């Protein structure tokens, strides 16, 4: 398995986490500030290259009922802009409750990046090969 980069998109900060090559561990990274700006998008593209990420998983903020919200639409638009710049598969993944779980975990890493790590851990568990 290759490294996977997970993103917890927010217009001010985008949490980031990366898997180890075996797909077992998720490690939070420094968040990307203002990801919709040219500099923010360049940083995400650079992260994919630096980490040799084979896939990007972006948290999709669905409502508790599973419906789209304004933030969901913003995230889908971000994913589209990101897909215009990357040559790796990008997928969205339900991120409900990741921030709440990240708050409980505590730590010194930014909460958005801890939420990205929670998201990635769940994605890895659901997509691991037996």
N, C-alpha and C. Protein backbone atom coordinates (compact mmCIF):
# COMPACT_ATOMS: atom_id res chain seq x y z
N UNK A 1 0.85 -1.19 0.00
CA UNK A 1 0.00 0.00 0.00
C UNK A 1 0.88 1.24 0.00
N UNK A 2 0.39 2.31 -0.54
CA UNK A 2 1.11 3.58 -0.58
C UNK A 2 0.55 4.53 0.46
N UNK A 3 1.21 5.64 0.61
CA UNK A 3 0.74 6.66 1.55
C UNK A 3 -0.56 7.30 1.06
N UNK A 4 -1.41 7.62 2.01
CA UNK A 4 -2.68 8.30 1.74
C UNK A 4 -2.64 9.62 2.51
N UNK A 5 -3.02 10.71 1.86
CA UNK A 5 -3.12 12.00 2.51
C UNK A 5 -4.59 12.28 2.76
N UNK A 6 -4.93 12.61 4.00
CA UNK A 6 -6.31 12.97 4.35
C UNK A 6 -6.37 14.45 4.65
N UNK A 7 -7.44 15.09 4.22
CA UNK A 7 -7.63 16.51 4.44
C UNK A 7 -8.98 16.76 5.10
N UNK A 8 -8.97 17.61 6.12
CA UNK A 8 -10.20 18.06 6.78
C UNK A 8 -10.36 19.53 6.38
N UNK A 9 -11.08 19.75 5.28
CA UNK A 9 -11.17 21.07 4.67
C UNK A 9 -11.94 22.07 5.51
N UNK A 10 -11.37 23.25 5.59
CA UNK A 10 -12.02 24.44 6.14
C UNK A 10 -11.44 25.61 5.39
N UNK A 11 -12.21 26.67 5.20
CA UNK A 11 -11.71 27.78 4.40
C UNK A 11 -10.54 28.51 5.06
N UNK A 12 -10.49 28.51 6.39
CA UNK A 12 -9.37 29.16 7.09
C UNK A 12 -8.19 28.21 7.27
N UNK A 13 -8.49 26.96 7.61
CA UNK A 13 -7.44 25.96 7.84
C UNK A 13 -7.90 24.62 7.34
N UNK A 14 -6.98 23.89 6.78
CA UNK A 14 -7.27 22.56 6.28
C UNK A 14 -6.39 21.58 7.05
N UNK A 15 -7.01 20.78 7.90
CA UNK A 15 -6.26 19.78 8.63
C UNK A 15 -5.70 18.74 7.67
N UNK A 16 -4.56 18.18 8.03
CA UNK A 16 -3.91 17.19 7.16
C UNK A 16 -3.34 16.06 8.01
N UNK A 17 -3.39 14.87 7.45
CA UNK A 17 -2.80 13.68 8.09
C UNK A 17 -2.34 12.76 6.98
N UNK A 18 -1.33 11.95 7.29
CA UNK A 18 -0.79 11.02 6.30
C UNK A 18 -0.67 9.63 6.90
N UNK A 19 -0.87 8.63 6.07
CA UNK A 19 -0.68 7.26 6.53
C UNK A 19 0.76 6.85 6.33
N UNK A 20 1.16 5.82 7.05
CA UNK A 20 2.46 5.22 6.77
C UNK A 20 2.28 4.36 5.51
N UNK A 21 3.38 3.94 4.87
CA UNK A 21 3.25 3.18 3.63
C UNK A 21 2.47 1.87 3.76
N UNK A 22 2.43 1.30 4.96
CA UNK A 22 1.70 0.04 5.14
C UNK A 22 0.20 0.26 5.31
N UNK A 23 -0.21 1.51 5.48
CA UNK A 23 -1.63 1.80 5.66
C UNK A 23 -2.13 1.45 7.04
N UNK A 24 -1.25 1.47 8.02
CA UNK A 24 -1.62 1.09 9.38
C UNK A 24 -1.82 2.30 10.30
N UNK A 25 -0.92 3.27 10.21
CA UNK A 25 -0.94 4.42 11.11
C UNK A 25 -1.30 5.70 10.37
N UNK A 26 -1.97 6.60 11.07
CA UNK A 26 -2.28 7.92 10.55
C UNK A 26 -1.60 8.95 11.44
N UNK A 27 -0.83 9.83 10.85
CA UNK A 27 -0.09 10.84 11.59
C UNK A 27 -0.57 12.23 11.21
N UNK A 28 -1.00 13.04 12.19
CA UNK A 28 -1.41 14.41 11.87
C UNK A 28 -0.20 15.24 11.42
N UNK A 29 -0.45 16.15 10.50
CA UNK A 29 0.56 17.08 10.00
C UNK A 29 0.13 18.50 10.35
N UNK A 30 1.00 19.45 10.10
CA UNK A 30 0.62 20.86 10.30
C UNK A 30 -0.51 21.19 9.33
N UNK A 31 -1.51 21.94 9.79
CA UNK A 31 -2.61 22.30 8.89
C UNK A 31 -2.13 23.25 7.79
N UNK A 32 -2.84 23.24 6.69
CA UNK A 32 -2.57 24.16 5.59
C UNK A 32 -3.48 25.36 5.78
N UNK A 33 -2.89 26.53 5.88
CA UNK A 33 -3.66 27.75 6.10
C UNK A 33 -4.27 28.22 4.79
N UNK A 34 -5.50 28.69 4.87
CA UNK A 34 -6.23 29.25 3.72
C UNK A 34 -6.04 28.41 2.46
N UNK A 35 -6.54 27.19 2.46
CA UNK A 35 -6.30 26.27 1.35
C UNK A 35 -6.87 26.72 0.00
N UNK A 36 -7.82 27.65 0.01
CA UNK A 36 -8.40 28.12 -1.25
C UNK A 36 -7.56 29.19 -1.95
N UNK A 37 -6.54 29.67 -1.27
CA UNK A 37 -5.67 30.65 -1.90
C UNK A 37 -4.65 29.94 -2.78
N UNK A 38 -3.99 30.70 -3.62
CA UNK A 38 -2.96 30.10 -4.49
C UNK A 38 -1.87 29.44 -3.64
N UNK A 39 -1.43 30.11 -2.60
CA UNK A 39 -0.38 29.56 -1.74
C UNK A 39 -0.86 28.30 -1.01
N UNK A 40 -2.10 28.32 -0.51
CA UNK A 40 -2.64 27.16 0.18
C UNK A 40 -2.76 25.96 -0.74
N UNK A 41 -3.27 26.18 -1.94
CA UNK A 41 -3.41 25.08 -2.90
C UNK A 41 -2.03 24.56 -3.30
N UNK A 42 -1.07 25.45 -3.49
CA UNK A 42 0.29 25.02 -3.83
C UNK A 42 0.87 24.16 -2.71
N UNK A 43 0.57 24.50 -1.46
CA UNK A 43 1.08 23.72 -0.34
C UNK A 43 0.49 22.31 -0.35
N UNK A 44 -0.78 22.18 -0.66
CA UNK A 44 -1.40 20.85 -0.72
C UNK A 44 -0.79 20.04 -1.85
N UNK A 45 -0.62 20.66 -3.01
CA UNK A 45 -0.01 19.96 -4.15
C UNK A 45 1.41 19.52 -3.78
N UNK A 46 2.15 20.40 -3.09
CA UNK A 46 3.51 20.06 -2.66
C UNK A 46 3.50 18.91 -1.65
N UNK A 47 2.54 18.90 -0.74
CA UNK A 47 2.44 17.81 0.24
C UNK A 47 2.24 16.47 -0.46
N UNK A 48 1.36 16.45 -1.44
CA UNK A 48 1.11 15.21 -2.18
C UNK A 48 2.42 14.71 -2.80
N UNK A 49 3.18 15.64 -3.40
CA UNK A 49 4.45 15.26 -4.03
C UNK A 49 5.49 14.83 -3.00
N UNK A 50 5.66 15.62 -1.94
CA UNK A 50 6.67 15.33 -0.91
C UNK A 50 6.41 13.98 -0.24
N UNK A 51 5.15 13.70 0.03
CA UNK A 51 4.78 12.47 0.74
C UNK A 51 4.62 11.28 -0.21
N UNK A 52 4.68 11.57 -1.51
CA UNK A 52 4.43 10.55 -2.53
C UNK A 52 3.10 9.86 -2.28
N UNK A 53 2.10 10.68 -1.99
CA UNK A 53 0.76 10.16 -1.70
C UNK A 53 0.14 9.60 -2.97
N UNK A 54 -0.43 8.42 -2.86
CA UNK A 54 -1.06 7.76 -3.99
C UNK A 54 -2.55 8.10 -4.09
N UNK A 55 -3.09 8.71 -3.04
CA UNK A 55 -4.52 9.03 -2.99
C UNK A 55 -4.71 10.14 -1.97
N UNK A 56 -5.74 10.95 -2.20
CA UNK A 56 -6.14 11.99 -1.25
C UNK A 56 -7.58 11.71 -0.84
N UNK A 57 -7.82 11.70 0.45
CA UNK A 57 -9.16 11.50 1.00
C UNK A 57 -9.55 12.80 1.70
N UNK A 58 -10.66 13.38 1.26
CA UNK A 58 -11.13 14.65 1.81
C UNK A 58 -12.40 14.39 2.61
N UNK A 59 -12.41 14.85 3.85
CA UNK A 59 -13.58 14.68 4.70
C UNK A 59 -14.77 15.44 4.15
N UNK A 60 -15.91 14.77 4.08
CA UNK A 60 -17.14 15.38 3.58
C UNK A 60 -18.06 15.65 4.76
N UNK A 61 -18.30 16.93 5.06
CA UNK A 61 -19.09 17.30 6.24
C UNK A 61 -20.60 17.21 5.99
N UNK A 62 -21.13 16.01 6.08
CA UNK A 62 -22.56 15.81 5.92
C UNK A 62 -23.28 16.20 7.22
N UNK A 63 -24.55 16.55 7.10
CA UNK A 63 -25.33 16.83 8.30
C UNK A 63 -25.56 15.53 9.05
N UNK A 64 -26.07 15.62 10.26
CA UNK A 64 -26.31 14.42 11.06
C UNK A 64 -27.27 13.47 10.35
N UNK A 65 -28.17 14.02 9.54
CA UNK A 65 -29.12 13.17 8.81
C UNK A 65 -28.53 12.62 7.53
N UNK A 66 -27.29 13.00 7.22
CA UNK A 66 -26.63 12.51 6.01
C UNK A 66 -26.85 13.38 4.79
N UNK A 67 -27.50 14.51 4.97
CA UNK A 67 -27.79 15.42 3.87
C UNK A 67 -26.63 16.41 3.66
N UNK A 68 -26.58 16.99 2.47
CA UNK A 68 -25.60 18.03 2.18
C UNK A 68 -25.98 19.31 2.92
N UNK A 69 -24.97 20.12 3.21
CA UNK A 69 -25.14 21.43 3.83
C UNK A 69 -24.34 22.43 3.02
N UNK A 70 -24.32 23.67 3.44
CA UNK A 70 -23.50 24.67 2.77
C UNK A 70 -22.03 24.29 2.81
N UNK A 71 -21.58 23.78 3.93
CA UNK A 71 -20.18 23.37 4.07
C UNK A 71 -19.88 22.16 3.16
N UNK A 72 -20.87 21.29 2.99
CA UNK A 72 -20.69 20.14 2.09
C UNK A 72 -20.46 20.63 0.66
N UNK A 73 -21.28 21.59 0.23
CA UNK A 73 -21.13 22.13 -1.12
C UNK A 73 -19.78 22.82 -1.28
N UNK A 74 -19.34 23.57 -0.27
CA UNK A 74 -18.02 24.23 -0.32
C UNK A 74 -16.91 23.18 -0.44
N UNK A 75 -17.04 22.09 0.30
CA UNK A 75 -16.03 21.03 0.26
C UNK A 75 -16.01 20.36 -1.11
N UNK A 76 -17.17 20.10 -1.67
CA UNK A 76 -17.22 19.50 -3.01
C UNK A 76 -16.55 20.41 -4.04
N UNK A 77 -16.76 21.72 -3.92
CA UNK A 77 -16.13 22.68 -4.84
C UNK A 77 -14.61 22.67 -4.65
N UNK A 78 -14.16 22.58 -3.40
CA UNK A 78 -12.72 22.49 -3.12
C UNK A 78 -12.14 21.23 -3.75
N UNK A 79 -12.83 20.11 -3.61
CA UNK A 79 -12.36 18.85 -4.19
C UNK A 79 -12.24 18.99 -5.71
N UNK A 80 -13.18 19.66 -6.32
CA UNK A 80 -13.11 19.86 -7.77
C UNK A 80 -11.88 20.68 -8.15
N UNK A 81 -11.63 21.76 -7.41
CA UNK A 81 -10.44 22.60 -7.69
C UNK A 81 -9.16 21.79 -7.46
N UNK A 82 -9.16 20.97 -6.44
CA UNK A 82 -8.00 20.14 -6.15
C UNK A 82 -7.78 19.11 -7.26
N UNK A 83 -8.85 18.53 -7.75
CA UNK A 83 -8.71 17.51 -8.80
C UNK A 83 -8.17 18.11 -10.09
N UNK A 84 -8.37 19.40 -10.29
CA UNK A 84 -7.80 20.06 -11.47
C UNK A 84 -6.29 20.19 -11.38
N UNK A 85 -5.74 20.04 -10.17
CA UNK A 85 -4.30 20.24 -9.97
C UNK A 85 -3.51 18.97 -9.64
N UNK A 86 -4.22 17.89 -9.32
CA UNK A 86 -3.53 16.67 -8.91
C UNK A 86 -3.74 15.54 -9.90
N UNK A 87 -2.76 14.67 -9.97
CA UNK A 87 -2.86 13.49 -10.83
C UNK A 87 -3.00 12.21 -10.03
N UNK A 88 -3.55 12.32 -8.83
CA UNK A 88 -3.82 11.14 -8.00
C UNK A 88 -5.31 11.10 -7.72
N UNK A 89 -5.84 9.92 -7.45
CA UNK A 89 -7.28 9.84 -7.13
C UNK A 89 -7.62 10.64 -5.88
N UNK A 90 -8.76 11.29 -5.93
CA UNK A 90 -9.27 12.05 -4.79
C UNK A 90 -10.66 11.52 -4.51
N UNK A 91 -10.92 11.23 -3.26
CA UNK A 91 -12.27 10.79 -2.89
C UNK A 91 -12.72 11.50 -1.64
N UNK A 92 -14.02 11.62 -1.50
CA UNK A 92 -14.57 12.19 -0.27
C UNK A 92 -14.99 11.05 0.64
N UNK A 93 -15.00 11.36 1.93
CA UNK A 93 -15.33 10.35 2.93
C UNK A 93 -16.08 11.03 4.08
N UNK A 94 -17.16 10.44 4.50
CA UNK A 94 -17.99 10.98 5.57
C UNK A 94 -17.15 11.30 6.81
N UNK A 95 -17.18 12.57 7.21
CA UNK A 95 -16.36 12.97 8.36
C UNK A 95 -17.18 13.28 9.60
N UNK A 96 -18.44 12.88 9.61
CA UNK A 96 -19.25 13.16 10.81
C UNK A 96 -18.57 12.60 12.05
N UNK A 97 -18.52 13.41 13.08
CA UNK A 97 -17.99 13.08 14.42
C UNK A 97 -16.47 13.08 14.51
N UNK A 98 -15.74 13.32 13.41
CA UNK A 98 -14.27 13.28 13.50
C UNK A 98 -13.74 14.40 14.40
N UNK A 99 -14.32 15.59 14.32
CA UNK A 99 -13.85 16.69 15.16
C UNK A 99 -14.12 16.39 16.63
N UNK A 100 -15.28 15.83 16.91
CA UNK A 100 -15.62 15.48 18.30
C UNK A 100 -14.62 14.45 18.84
N UNK A 101 -14.31 13.44 18.03
CA UNK A 101 -13.33 12.42 18.45
C UNK A 101 -11.94 13.03 18.60
N UNK A 102 -11.60 13.96 17.73
CA UNK A 102 -10.28 14.61 17.81
C UNK A 102 -10.17 15.43 19.09
N UNK A 103 -11.25 16.10 19.48
CA UNK A 103 -11.23 16.88 20.73
C UNK A 103 -10.98 15.97 21.92
N UNK A 104 -11.60 14.82 21.91
CA UNK A 104 -11.42 13.87 23.02
C UNK A 104 -9.99 13.34 23.09
N UNK A 105 -9.35 13.20 21.93
CA UNK A 105 -8.00 12.63 21.91
C UNK A 105 -6.97 13.60 22.47
N UNK A 106 -7.24 14.90 22.37
CA UNK A 106 -6.30 15.89 22.87
C UNK A 106 -4.98 15.83 22.13
N UNK A 107 -4.00 16.51 22.67
CA UNK A 107 -2.68 16.52 22.04
C UNK A 107 -2.28 17.93 21.65
N UNK A 108 -1.06 18.05 21.18
CA UNK A 108 -0.54 19.36 20.83
C UNK A 108 -0.74 19.70 19.35
N UNK A 109 -1.05 18.72 18.54
CA UNK A 109 -1.28 18.96 17.12
C UNK A 109 -2.61 19.68 16.95
N UNK A 110 -2.71 20.52 15.92
CA UNK A 110 -3.93 21.26 15.65
C UNK A 110 -5.14 20.33 15.56
N UNK A 111 -6.26 20.78 16.10
CA UNK A 111 -7.47 19.96 16.15
C UNK A 111 -7.91 19.53 14.75
N UNK A 112 -7.79 20.41 13.74
CA UNK A 112 -8.21 20.03 12.38
C UNK A 112 -7.37 18.88 11.85
N UNK A 113 -6.08 18.88 12.18
CA UNK A 113 -5.21 17.80 11.71
C UNK A 113 -5.45 16.51 12.50
N UNK A 114 -5.81 16.64 13.78
CA UNK A 114 -6.19 15.44 14.53
C UNK A 114 -7.48 14.87 13.96
N UNK A 115 -8.41 15.75 13.55
CA UNK A 115 -9.64 15.28 12.92
C UNK A 115 -9.33 14.58 11.59
N UNK A 116 -8.37 15.10 10.83
CA UNK A 116 -7.96 14.45 9.58
C UNK A 116 -7.38 13.08 9.88
N UNK A 117 -6.64 12.95 10.98
CA UNK A 117 -6.06 11.66 11.35
C UNK A 117 -7.16 10.67 11.74
N UNK A 118 -8.18 11.13 12.47
CA UNK A 118 -9.31 10.26 12.83
C UNK A 118 -10.02 9.80 11.56
N UNK A 119 -10.25 10.73 10.65
CA UNK A 119 -10.87 10.40 9.37
C UNK A 119 -10.05 9.35 8.62
N UNK A 120 -8.74 9.56 8.57
CA UNK A 120 -7.87 8.64 7.84
C UNK A 120 -7.83 7.27 8.50
N UNK A 121 -7.78 7.23 9.82
CA UNK A 121 -7.80 5.93 10.51
C UNK A 121 -9.05 5.14 10.15
N UNK A 122 -10.20 5.83 10.12
CA UNK A 122 -11.45 5.16 9.77
C UNK A 122 -11.41 4.71 8.32
N UNK A 123 -10.93 5.56 7.42
CA UNK A 123 -10.84 5.19 6.01
C UNK A 123 -9.92 3.98 5.83
N UNK A 124 -8.78 3.99 6.51
CA UNK A 124 -7.84 2.87 6.40
C UNK A 124 -8.47 1.58 6.90
N UNK A 125 -9.19 1.65 8.02
CA UNK A 125 -9.82 0.45 8.57
C UNK A 125 -10.86 -0.12 7.61
N UNK A 126 -11.59 0.73 6.94
CA UNK A 126 -12.64 0.28 6.00
C UNK A 126 -12.07 -0.18 4.66
N UNK A 127 -10.86 0.26 4.33
CA UNK A 127 -10.30 -0.05 3.02
C UNK A 127 -9.09 -0.96 3.07
N UNK A 128 -8.79 -1.50 4.25
CA UNK A 128 -7.62 -2.39 4.36
C UNK A 128 -7.91 -3.75 3.73
N UNK A 129 -6.90 -4.34 3.21
CA UNK A 129 -7.02 -5.66 2.60
C UNK A 129 -6.92 -6.71 3.72
N UNK A 130 -7.75 -7.76 3.68
CA UNK A 130 -7.71 -8.78 4.74
C UNK A 130 -6.43 -9.58 4.72
